[in-house]
Amino acid sequence: MPRPDHNDDARSGAPVVGFAGLLPERMLRYRRPLWWQELLLIAVSYWLYGQVRNAIPNKLAIAQKHARGVQHLQDVLHLNFELSINQFVAAHEPIAQVMDYYYATLHFVVTIGVLVWLFVKRPALYRGARTVLFATSAVALAGFYFFPLAPPRLMPQYGYVDTLLKFHTWGSLADPKIAEHSNQFAAMPSLHIGWSLWCGITIAACANRAWVRVLGLCYPLATLIVIVSTANHYFLDAVGGVIVLAAGFAIQYLLSGHGAYVSPVGTPAPMPSQQRIEAS
């Protein structure tokens, strides 16, 4: 079955019928994003996000109490599989180090890569997808503030192993220089899952090649395995990541009145040469 053309709505000239969105119409019409504006917006937004995230008080006793509550709930739900996976990975250094570097790097590299790809290849869809990502991160801050949570790696009394610390992997949050500038208890929800699932959905919705779409959908699954194996998150943190991403999509829809991957009104139809390139 052929992939739907992302510019069908624009070619038809018919506005999307239904909820109009909270933003004024002039802000919803297609405008090709400017690289310097987007770069500045992303830099400022990430700086603000980091400032707010790390300004949240580090309440060790409360964070550990919440962690015990999460463990108990997972026991009740029979979702208490993190410990066995973590101990297996911790016993196999090559596997652990691959997962450690995955955890420390791809969270940012892949997310930025998908944003750049959208900007270059799918500019009509860039703003909607970017809004989802930003809204997801903003909602997650509320979770960090109201539910500080000690990740499994900070609960060694239960047998969890901090693989980044054990194998001295670059990027360990136990490194004093990194820990000084990072909130150790910003674990619920997991933005590793929220962002990776955003990447996967975006790639699946916007890529033309089937193997690329499949690879995109595998990315959040691989991330789930990594965050559990390295004792950086509980499974329910991942569920929280899915929830805040859903909230991000809802906020984007409320603002625009259409889905994140629908071309806005006024999107120019692609030239025949562009259609051939995108179909290849």
C-alpha atoms as a PDB file:
ATOM      1  CA  MET A   1       0.000   0.000   0.000  1.00  0.00           C
ATOM      2  CA  PRO A   2       1.514   3.378  -0.945  1.00  0.00           C
ATOM      3  CA  ARG A   3       2.421   5.795   1.798  1.00  0.00           C
ATOM      4  CA  PRO A   4       0.078   8.775   2.184  1.00  0.00           C
ATOM      5  CA  ASP A   5       1.465  12.026   0.795  1.00  0.00           C
ATOM      6  CA  HIS A   6       2.045  14.467   3.639  1.00  0.00           C
ATOM      7  CA  ASN A   7       1.031  17.329   1.362  1.00  0.00           C
ATOM      8  CA  ASP A   8      -2.416  16.029   0.377  1.00  0.00           C
ATOM      9  CA  ASP A   9      -4.166  18.451   2.747  1.00  0.00           C
ATOM     10  CA  ALA A  10      -2.286  21.403   1.354  1.00  0.00           C
ATOM     11  CA  ARG A  11      -2.997  20.454  -2.283  1.00  0.00           C
ATOM     12  CA  SER A  12      -6.697  20.073  -1.658  1.00  0.00           C
ATOM     13  CA  GLY A  13      -6.856  23.620  -0.310  1.00  0.00           C
ATOM     14  CA  ALA A  14      -9.492  22.502   2.204  1.00  0.00           C
ATOM     15  CA  PRO A  15      -8.864  23.294   5.867  1.00  0.00           C
ATOM     16  CA  VAL A  16      -9.142  20.493   8.362  1.00  0.00           C
ATOM     17  CA  VAL A  17     -12.748  20.320   9.592  1.00  0.00           C
ATOM     18  CA  GLY A  18     -13.276  20.101  13.343  1.00  0.00           C
ATOM     19  CA  PHE A  19     -11.532  21.670  16.328  1.00  0.00           C
ATOM     20  CA  ALA A  20      -9.858  24.893  15.191  1.00  0.00           C
ATOM     21  CA  GLY A  21      -7.063  24.946  17.747  1.00  0.00           C
ATOM     22  CA  LEU A  22      -6.219  27.528  20.392  1.00  0.00           C
ATOM     23  CA  LEU A  23      -3.596  29.389  18.379  1.00  0.00           C
ATOM     24  CA  PRO A  24      -4.688  32.088  15.898  1.00  0.00           C
ATOM     25  CA  GLU A  25      -4.969  30.952  12.286  1.00  0.00           C
ATOM     26  CA  ARG A  26      -2.048  33.090  11.124  1.00  0.00           C
ATOM     27  CA  MET A  27       0.249  31.132  13.453  1.00  0.00           C
ATOM     28  CA  LEU A  28      -1.009  27.807  12.110  1.00  0.00           C
ATOM     29  CA  ARG A  29      -0.372  28.469   8.432  1.00  0.00           C
ATOM     30  CA  TYR A  30       2.715  26.975   6.841  1.00  0.00           C
ATOM     31  CA  ARG A  31       5.936  28.918   7.236  1.00  0.00           C
ATOM     32  CA  ARG A  32       9.224  27.288   6.423  1.00  0.00           C
ATOM     33  CA  PRO A  33      11.191  27.171   9.694  1.00  0.00           C
ATOM     34  CA  LEU A  34      14.353  29.274   9.830  1.00  0.00           C
ATOM     35  CA  TRP A  35      17.392  27.372  11.036  1.00  0.00           C
ATOM     36  CA  TRP A  36      18.765  30.122  13.266  1.00  0.00           C
ATOM     37  CA  GLN A  37      15.403  30.689  14.955  1.00  0.00           C
ATOM     38  CA  GLU A  38      14.979  26.985  15.631  1.00  0.00           C
ATOM     39  CA  LEU A  39      18.540  26.610  16.871  1.00  0.00           C
ATOM     40  CA  LEU A  40      18.063  29.540  19.249  1.00  0.00           C
ATOM     41  CA  LEU A  41      14.678  28.221  20.402  1.00  0.00           C
ATOM     42  CA  ILE A  42      16.055  24.746  21.090  1.00  0.00           C
ATOM     43  CA  ALA A  43      19.121  26.104  22.902  1.00  0.00           C
ATOM     44  CA  VAL A  44      17.108  28.460  25.118  1.00  0.00           C
ATOM     45  CA  SER A  45      14.405  25.860  25.793  1.00  0.00           C
ATOM     46  CA  TYR A  46      16.931  23.187  26.747  1.00  0.00           C
ATOM     47  CA  TRP A  47      18.773  25.632  29.007  1.00  0.00           C
ATOM     48  CA  LEU A  48      15.509  26.554  30.750  1.00  0.00           C
ATOM     49  CA  TYR A  49      14.574  22.882  31.010  1.00  0.00           C
ATOM     50  CA  GLY A  50      17.928  22.069  32.599  1.00  0.00           C
ATOM     51  CA  GLN A  51      17.690  24.989  35.024  1.00  0.00           C
ATOM     52  CA  VAL A  52      14.205  24.011  36.193  1.00  0.00           C
ATOM     53  CA  ARG A  53      15.002  20.281  36.311  1.00  0.00           C
ATOM     54  CA  ASN A  54      18.108  20.738  38.399  1.00  0.00           C
ATOM     55  CA  ALA A  55      16.550  23.388  40.655  1.00  0.00           C
ATOM     56  CA  ILE A  56      14.095  20.806  41.981  1.00  0.00           C
ATOM     57  CA  PRO A  57      15.187  19.933  45.548  1.00  0.00           C
ATOM     58  CA  ASN A  58      17.108  16.686  45.991  1.00  0.00           C
ATOM     59  CA  LYS A  59      15.041  15.012  48.704  1.00  0.00           C
ATOM     60  CA  LEU A  60      16.809  11.704  49.316  1.00  0.00           C
ATOM     61  CA  ALA A  61      14.435  10.320  51.958  1.00  0.00           C
ATOM     62  CA  ILE A  62      11.322  11.134  49.923  1.00  0.00           C
ATOM     63  CA  ALA A  63      12.897   9.848  46.699  1.00  0.00           C
ATOM     64  CA  GLN A  64      13.809   6.537  48.328  1.00  0.00           C
ATOM     65  CA  LYS A  65      10.344   6.251  49.872  1.00  0.00           C
ATOM     66  CA  HIS A  66       8.811   6.719  46.427  1.00  0.00           C
ATOM     67  CA  ALA A  67      11.218   4.125  45.026  1.00  0.00           C
ATOM     68  CA  ARG A  68      10.086   1.570  47.581  1.00  0.00           C
ATOM     69  CA  GLY A  69       6.483   2.363  46.662  1.00  0.00           C
ATOM     70  CA  VAL A  70       7.204   1.825  42.963  1.00  0.00           C
ATOM     71  CA  GLN A  71       8.944  -1.468  43.725  1.00  0.00           C
ATOM     72  CA  HIS A  72       5.975  -2.622  45.796  1.00  0.00           C
ATOM     73  CA  LEU A  73       3.504  -1.696  43.064  1.00  0.00           C
ATOM     74  CA  GLN A  74       5.571  -3.542  40.481  1.00  0.00           C
ATOM     75  CA  ASP A  75       5.662  -6.576  42.765  1.00  0.00           C
ATOM     76  CA  VAL A  76       1.870  -6.487  42.974  1.00  0.00           C
ATOM     77  CA  LEU A  77       1.618  -6.157  39.178  1.00  0.00           C
ATOM     78  CA  HIS A  78       4.271  -8.860  38.594  1.00  0.00           C
ATOM     79  CA  LEU A  79       6.487  -6.355  36.762  1.00  0.00           C
ATOM     80  CA  ASN A  80       9.498  -6.817  39.035  1.00  0.00           C
ATOM     81  CA  PHE A  81      11.933  -8.047  36.382  1.00  0.00           C
ATOM     82  CA  GLU A  82      14.499  -5.212  36.454  1.00  0.00           C
ATOM     83  CA  LEU A  83      16.769  -6.748  39.107  1.00  0.00           C
ATOM     84  CA  SER A  84      17.424 -10.018  37.274  1.00  0.00           C
ATOM     85  CA  ILE A  85      18.074  -8.210  33.977  1.00  0.00           C
ATOM     86  CA  ASN A  86      20.351  -5.675  35.656  1.00  0.00           C
ATOM     87  CA  GLN A  87      22.376  -8.343  37.467  1.00  0.00           C
ATOM     88  CA  PHE A  88      22.779 -10.363  34.262  1.00  0.00           C
ATOM     89  CA  VAL A  89      24.070  -7.355  32.333  1.00  0.00           C
ATOM     90  CA  ALA A  90      26.316  -6.277  35.217  1.00  0.00           C
ATOM     91  CA  ALA A  91      27.972  -9.708  35.086  1.00  0.00           C
ATOM     92  CA  HIS A  92      28.887  -9.268  31.393  1.00  0.00           C
ATOM     93  CA  GLU A  93      31.110  -6.228  30.977  1.00  0.00           C
ATOM     94  CA  PRO A  94      31.054  -5.957  27.135  1.00  0.00           C
ATOM     95  CA  ILE A  95      27.241  -5.938  27.086  1.00  0.00           C
ATOM     96  CA  ALA A  96      27.095  -3.504  29.988  1.00  0.00           C
ATOM     97  CA  GLN A  97      29.507  -1.049  28.394  1.00  0.00           C
ATOM     98  CA  VAL A  98      27.615  -1.021  25.097  1.00  0.00           C
ATOM     99  CA  MET A  99      24.409  -0.296  26.975  1.00  0.00           C
ATOM    100  CA  ASP A 100      26.108   2.331  29.143  1.00  0.00           C
ATOM    101  CA  TYR A 101      27.341   4.297  26.133  1.00  0.00           C
ATOM    102  CA  TYR A 102      23.953   3.888  24.473  1.00  0.00           C
ATOM    103  CA  TYR A 103      22.313   5.366  27.576  1.00  0.00           C
ATOM    104  CA  ALA A 104      24.763   8.257  27.856  1.00  0.00           C
ATOM    105  CA  THR A 105      24.776   9.333  24.200  1.00  0.00           C
ATOM    106  CA  LEU A 106      21.888   8.265  21.974  1.00  0.00           C
ATOM    107  CA  HIS A 107      19.255   9.997  24.118  1.00  0.00           C
ATOM    108  CA  PHE A 108      20.507  13.313  22.736  1.00  0.00           C
ATOM    109  CA  VAL A 109      22.148  12.285  19.463  1.00  0.00           C
ATOM    110  CA  VAL A 110      19.125  10.503  17.992  1.00  0.00           C
ATOM    111  CA  THR A 111      16.628  13.118  19.181  1.00  0.00           C
ATOM    112  CA  ILE A 112      18.643  15.964  17.667  1.00  0.00           C
ATOM    113  CA  GLY A 113      19.189  13.885  14.533  1.00  0.00           C
ATOM    114  CA  VAL A 114      15.449  13.370  14.054  1.00  0.00           C
ATOM    115  CA  LEU A 115      14.807  17.093  14.546  1.00  0.00           C
ATOM    116  CA  VAL A 116      17.424  17.955  11.912  1.00  0.00           C
ATOM    117  CA  TRP A 117      16.037  15.328   9.521  1.00  0.00           C
ATOM    118  CA  LEU A 118      12.526  16.749   9.900  1.00  0.00           C
ATOM    119  CA  PHE A 119      13.797  20.289   9.392  1.00  0.00           C
ATOM    120  CA  VAL A 120      15.551  19.349   6.160  1.00  0.00           C
ATOM    121  CA  LYS A 121      13.297  16.652   4.683  1.00  0.00           C
ATOM    122  CA  ARG A 122       9.853  17.338   6.184  1.00  0.00           C
ATOM    123  CA  PRO A 123       9.748  21.076   6.969  1.00  0.00           C
ATOM    124  CA  ALA A 124       5.930  21.150   6.811  1.00  0.00           C
ATOM    125  CA  LEU A 125       5.777  18.641   9.667  1.00  0.00           C
ATOM    126  CA  TYR A 126       8.670  20.008  11.691  1.00  0.00           C
ATOM    127  CA  ARG A 127       6.820  22.507  13.890  1.00  0.00           C
ATOM    128  CA  GLY A 128       4.067  20.109  14.910  1.00  0.00           C
ATOM    129  CA  ALA A 129       6.502  17.345  15.843  1.00  0.00           C
ATOM    130  CA  ARG A 130       8.815  19.777  17.622  1.00  0.00           C
ATOM    131  CA  THR A 131       5.892  21.130  19.646  1.00  0.00           C
ATOM    132  CA  VAL A 132       5.080  17.597  20.821  1.00  0.00           C
ATOM    133  CA  LEU A 133       8.667  17.098  21.987  1.00  0.00           C
ATOM    134  CA  PHE A 134       8.795  20.403  23.846  1.00  0.00           C
ATOM    135  CA  ALA A 135       5.385  19.887  25.472  1.00  0.00           C
ATOM    136  CA  THR A 136       6.378  16.376  26.558  1.00  0.00           C
ATOM    137  CA  SER A 137       9.501  17.696  28.258  1.00  0.00           C
ATOM    138  CA  ALA A 138       7.548  20.461  29.997  1.00  0.00           C
ATOM    139  CA  VAL A 139       4.969  18.026  31.371  1.00  0.00           C
ATOM    140  CA  ALA A 140       7.767  15.745  32.577  1.00  0.00           C
ATOM    141  CA  LEU A 141       9.114  18.557  34.752  1.00  0.00           C
ATOM    142  CA  ALA A 142       5.926  18.390  36.807  1.00  0.00           C
ATOM    143  CA  GLY A 143       6.578  14.701  37.428  1.00  0.00           C
ATOM    144  CA  PHE A 144      10.154  15.404  38.513  1.00  0.00           C
ATOM    145  CA  TYR A 145       8.966  18.081  40.940  1.00  0.00           C
ATOM    146  CA  PHE A 146       5.998  16.329  42.507  1.00  0.00           C
ATOM    147  CA  PHE A 147       7.391  12.783  42.474  1.00  0.00           C
ATOM    148  CA  PRO A 148      11.156  12.729  43.074  1.00  0.00           C
ATOM    149  CA  LEU A 149      12.244   9.127  42.633  1.00  0.00           C
ATOM    150  CA  ALA A 150      15.481   7.348  43.446  1.00  0.00           C
ATOM    151  CA  PRO A 151      16.367   5.195  40.418  1.00  0.00           C
ATOM    152  CA  PRO A 152      17.314   1.545  41.001  1.00  0.00           C
ATOM    153  CA  ARG A 153      21.046   2.347  40.789  1.00  0.00           C
ATOM    154  CA  LEU A 154      20.643   4.451  43.947  1.00  0.00           C
ATOM    155  CA  MET A 155      19.001   1.549  45.781  1.00  0.00           C
ATOM    156  CA  PRO A 156      21.983  -0.861  46.016  1.00  0.00           C
ATOM    157  CA  GLN A 157      20.594  -2.398  49.208  1.00  0.00           C
ATOM    158  CA  TYR A 158      18.134  -4.261  46.969  1.00  0.00           C
ATOM    159  CA  GLY A 159      20.899  -5.700  44.793  1.00  0.00           C
ATOM    160  CA  TYR A 160      20.866  -3.212  41.905  1.00  0.00           C
ATOM    161  CA  VAL A 161      24.182  -2.458  40.223  1.00  0.00           C
ATOM    162  CA  ASP A 162      25.047   0.925  38.716  1.00  0.00           C
ATOM    163  CA  THR A 163      26.759  -0.399  35.593  1.00  0.00           C
ATOM    164  CA  LEU A 164      28.069   3.012  34.544  1.00  0.00           C
ATOM    165  CA  LEU A 165      29.769   3.355  37.920  1.00  0.00           C
ATOM    166  CA  LYS A 166      31.001  -0.247  38.082  1.00  0.00           C
ATOM    167  CA  PHE A 167      32.728  -0.125  34.703  1.00  0.00           C
ATOM    168  CA  HIS A 168      33.730   3.569  34.911  1.00  0.00           C
ATOM    169  CA  THR A 169      31.803   4.366  31.764  1.00  0.00           C
ATOM    170  CA  TRP A 170      31.795   7.935  30.492  1.00  0.00           C
ATOM    171  CA  GLY A 171      28.579   9.768  31.357  1.00  0.00           C
ATOM    172  CA  SER A 172      27.954   8.168  34.741  1.00  0.00           C
ATOM    173  CA  LEU A 173      25.705  10.311  36.910  1.00  0.00           C
ATOM    174  CA  ALA A 174      27.774   9.130  39.844  1.00  0.00           C
ATOM    175  CA  ASP A 175      30.671  11.230  38.519  1.00  0.00           C
ATOM    176  CA  PRO A 176      30.862  14.184  40.951  1.00  0.00           C
ATOM    177  CA  LYS A 177      31.285  16.680  38.093  1.00  0.00           C
ATOM    178  CA  ILE A 178      28.129  15.404  36.404  1.00  0.00           C
ATOM    179  CA  ALA A 179      26.148  14.766  39.582  1.00  0.00           C
ATOM    180  CA  GLU A 180      26.763  18.348  40.695  1.00  0.00           C
ATOM    181  CA  HIS A 181      24.801  19.633  37.697  1.00  0.00           C
ATOM    182  CA  SER A 182      22.153  16.932  37.430  1.00  0.00           C
ATOM    183  CA  ASN A 183      19.122  16.066  39.530  1.00  0.00           C
ATOM    184  CA  GLN A 184      19.640  12.445  40.535  1.00  0.00           C
ATOM    185  CA  PHE A 185      15.942  11.954  41.309  1.00  0.00           C
ATOM    186  CA  ALA A 186      14.429  13.151  38.014  1.00  0.00           C
ATOM    187  CA  ALA A 187      13.487   9.606  37.048  1.00  0.00           C
ATOM    188  CA  MET A 188       9.683   9.585  36.890  1.00  0.00           C
ATOM    189  CA  PRO A 189       8.692   9.866  34.101  1.00  0.00           C
ATOM    190  CA  SER A 190      11.507   8.505  31.955  1.00  0.00           C
ATOM    191  CA  LEU A 191      12.315  11.010  29.222  1.00  0.00           C
ATOM    192  CA  HIS A 192      14.647   8.423  27.725  1.00  0.00           C
ATOM    193  CA  ILE A 193      11.420   6.616  26.855  1.00  0.00           C
ATOM    194  CA  GLY A 194       9.394   9.745  26.109  1.00  0.00           C
ATOM    195  CA  TRP A 195      11.971  11.105  23.683  1.00  0.00           C
ATOM    196  CA  SER A 196      12.860   7.761  22.100  1.00  0.00           C
ATOM    197  CA  LEU A 197       9.197   6.933  21.517  1.00  0.00           C
ATOM    198  CA  TRP A 198       8.729  10.381  19.980  1.00  0.00           C
ATOM    199  CA  CYS A 199      11.652   9.591  17.664  1.00  0.00           C
ATOM    200  CA  GLY A 200      10.197   6.198  16.775  1.00  0.00           C
ATOM    201  CA  ILE A 201       6.702   7.506  16.056  1.00  0.00           C
ATOM    202  CA  THR A 202       8.065  10.442  14.061  1.00  0.00           C
ATOM    203  CA  ILE A 203      10.269   8.214  11.922  1.00  0.00           C
ATOM    204  CA  ALA A 204       7.449   5.719  11.388  1.00  0.00           C
ATOM    205  CA  ALA A 205       5.037   8.493  10.405  1.00  0.00           C
ATOM    206  CA  CYS A 206       7.360  10.463   8.141  1.00  0.00           C
ATOM    207  CA  ALA A 207       9.921   8.104   6.597  1.00  0.00           C
ATOM    208  CA  ASN A 208       9.312   6.570   3.174  1.00  0.00           C
ATOM    209  CA  ARG A 209      11.387   3.402   3.382  1.00  0.00           C
ATOM    210  CA  ALA A 210       9.801   0.518   5.281  1.00  0.00           C
ATOM    211  CA  TRP A 211      13.068  -0.604   6.870  1.00  0.00           C
ATOM    212  CA  VAL A 212      13.661   2.899   8.234  1.00  0.00           C
ATOM    213  CA  ARG A 213      10.180   2.947   9.772  1.00  0.00           C
ATOM    214  CA  VAL A 214      10.777  -0.451  11.382  1.00  0.00           C
ATOM    215  CA  LEU A 215      14.166   0.683  12.683  1.00  0.00           C
ATOM    216  CA  GLY A 216      12.524   3.769  14.144  1.00  0.00           C
ATOM    217  CA  LEU A 217       9.958   1.702  16.018  1.00  0.00           C
ATOM    218  CA  CYS A 218      12.692  -0.593  17.359  1.00  0.00           C
ATOM    219  CA  TYR A 219      14.547   2.346  18.896  1.00  0.00           C
ATOM    220  CA  PRO A 220      12.230   2.924  21.898  1.00  0.00           C
ATOM    221  CA  LEU A 221      12.136  -0.819  22.566  1.00  0.00           C
ATOM    222  CA  ALA A 222      15.937  -0.938  22.645  1.00  0.00           C
ATOM    223  CA  THR A 223      15.929   2.102  24.919  1.00  0.00           C
ATOM    224  CA  LEU A 224      13.548   0.372  27.326  1.00  0.00           C
ATOM    225  CA  ILE A 225      15.914  -2.595  27.560  1.00  0.00           C
ATOM    226  CA  VAL A 226      18.875  -0.281  28.174  1.00  0.00           C
ATOM    227  CA  ILE A 227      17.331   1.874  30.910  1.00  0.00           C
ATOM    228  CA  VAL A 228      16.256  -1.222  32.833  1.00  0.00           C
ATOM    229  CA  SER A 229      19.514  -3.118  32.288  1.00  0.00           C
ATOM    230  CA  THR A 230      21.661  -0.233  33.523  1.00  0.00           C
ATOM    231  CA  ALA A 231      19.466   0.302  36.627  1.00  0.00           C
ATOM    232  CA  ASN A 232      18.609   3.844  35.621  1.00  0.00           C
ATOM    233  CA  HIS A 233      14.839   3.363  35.595  1.00  0.00           C
ATOM    234  CA  TYR A 234      12.027   1.159  36.778  1.00  0.00           C
ATOM    235  CA  PHE A 235       9.575  -0.208  34.237  1.00  0.00           C
ATOM    236  CA  LEU A 236       6.876   2.106  35.582  1.00  0.00           C
ATOM    237  CA  ASP A 237       9.138   5.069  34.802  1.00  0.00           C
ATOM    238  CA  ALA A 238       8.849   3.984  31.182  1.00  0.00           C
ATOM    239  CA  VAL A 239       5.068   3.900  31.501  1.00  0.00           C
ATOM    240  CA  GLY A 240       5.290   7.441  32.820  1.00  0.00           C
ATOM    241  CA  GLY A 241       7.317   8.390  29.748  1.00  0.00           C
ATOM    242  CA  VAL A 242       4.575   7.076  27.479  1.00  0.00           C
ATOM    243  CA  ILE A 243       1.966   9.055  29.428  1.00  0.00           C
ATOM    244  CA  VAL A 244       3.810  12.381  29.185  1.00  0.00           C
ATOM    245  CA  LEU A 245       4.369  11.809  25.455  1.00  0.00           C
ATOM    246  CA  ALA A 246       0.624  11.262  25.050  1.00  0.00           C
ATOM    247  CA  ALA A 247       0.113  14.536  26.920  1.00  0.00           C
ATOM    248  CA  GLY A 248       2.557  16.203  24.532  1.00  0.00           C
ATOM    249  CA  PHE A 249       0.544  15.030  21.528  1.00  0.00           C
ATOM    250  CA  ALA A 250      -2.668  16.226  23.212  1.00  0.00           C
ATOM    251  CA  ILE A 251      -1.213  19.685  23.862  1.00  0.00           C
ATOM    252  CA  GLN A 252      -0.023  19.966  20.265  1.00  0.00           C
ATOM    253  CA  TYR A 253      -3.503  19.050  19.040  1.00  0.00           C
ATOM    254  CA  LEU A 254      -5.154  21.578  21.354  1.00  0.00           C
ATOM    255  CA  LEU A 255      -2.862  24.303  20.066  1.00  0.00           C
ATOM    256  CA  SER A 256      -3.141  23.513  16.353  1.00  0.00           C
ATOM    257  CA  GLY A 257      -6.420  21.650  15.889  1.00  0.00           C
ATOM    258  CA  HIS A 258      -4.727  18.926  13.829  1.00  0.00           C
ATOM    259  CA  GLY A 259      -2.349  16.039  14.322  1.00  0.00           C
ATOM    260  CA  ALA A 260       1.385  16.525  14.631  1.00  0.00           C
ATOM    261  CA  TYR A 261       2.067  14.833  11.300  1.00  0.00           C
ATOM    262  CA  VAL A 262      -0.536  16.664   9.205  1.00  0.00           C
ATOM    263  CA  SER A 263       0.721  19.365   6.850  1.00  0.00           C
ATOM    264  CA  PRO A 264      -0.619  22.787   7.889  1.00  0.00           C
ATOM    265  CA  VAL A 265      -2.786  24.914   5.625  1.00  0.00           C
ATOM    266  CA  GLY A 266      -0.718  26.669   2.983  1.00  0.00           C
ATOM    267  CA  THR A 267       1.909  23.967   2.576  1.00  0.00           C
ATOM    268  CA  PRO A 268       3.185  24.137  -1.025  1.00  0.00           C
ATOM    269  CA  ALA A 269       2.832  21.018  -3.129  1.00  0.00           C
ATOM    270  CA  PRO A 270       6.185  19.323  -3.832  1.00  0.00           C
ATOM    271  CA  MET A 271       7.802  19.720  -7.229  1.00  0.00           C
ATOM    272  CA  PRO A 272       7.891  16.559  -9.406  1.00  0.00           C
ATOM    273  CA  SER A 273      11.648  16.283  -8.841  1.00  0.00           C
ATOM    274  CA  GLN A 274      11.126  16.368  -5.073  1.00  0.00           C
ATOM    275  CA  GLN A 275       8.463  13.673  -5.329  1.00  0.00           C
ATOM    276  CA  ARG A 276      10.885  11.405  -7.211  1.00  0.00           C
ATOM    277  CA  ILE A 277      13.604  11.966  -4.610  1.00  0.00           C
ATOM    278  CA  GLU A 278      11.271  11.276  -1.680  1.00  0.00           C
ATOM    279  CA  ALA A 279       9.910   8.143  -3.330  1.00  0.00           C
ATOM    280  CA  SER A 280      13.381   6.725  -3.914  1.00  0.00           C
END
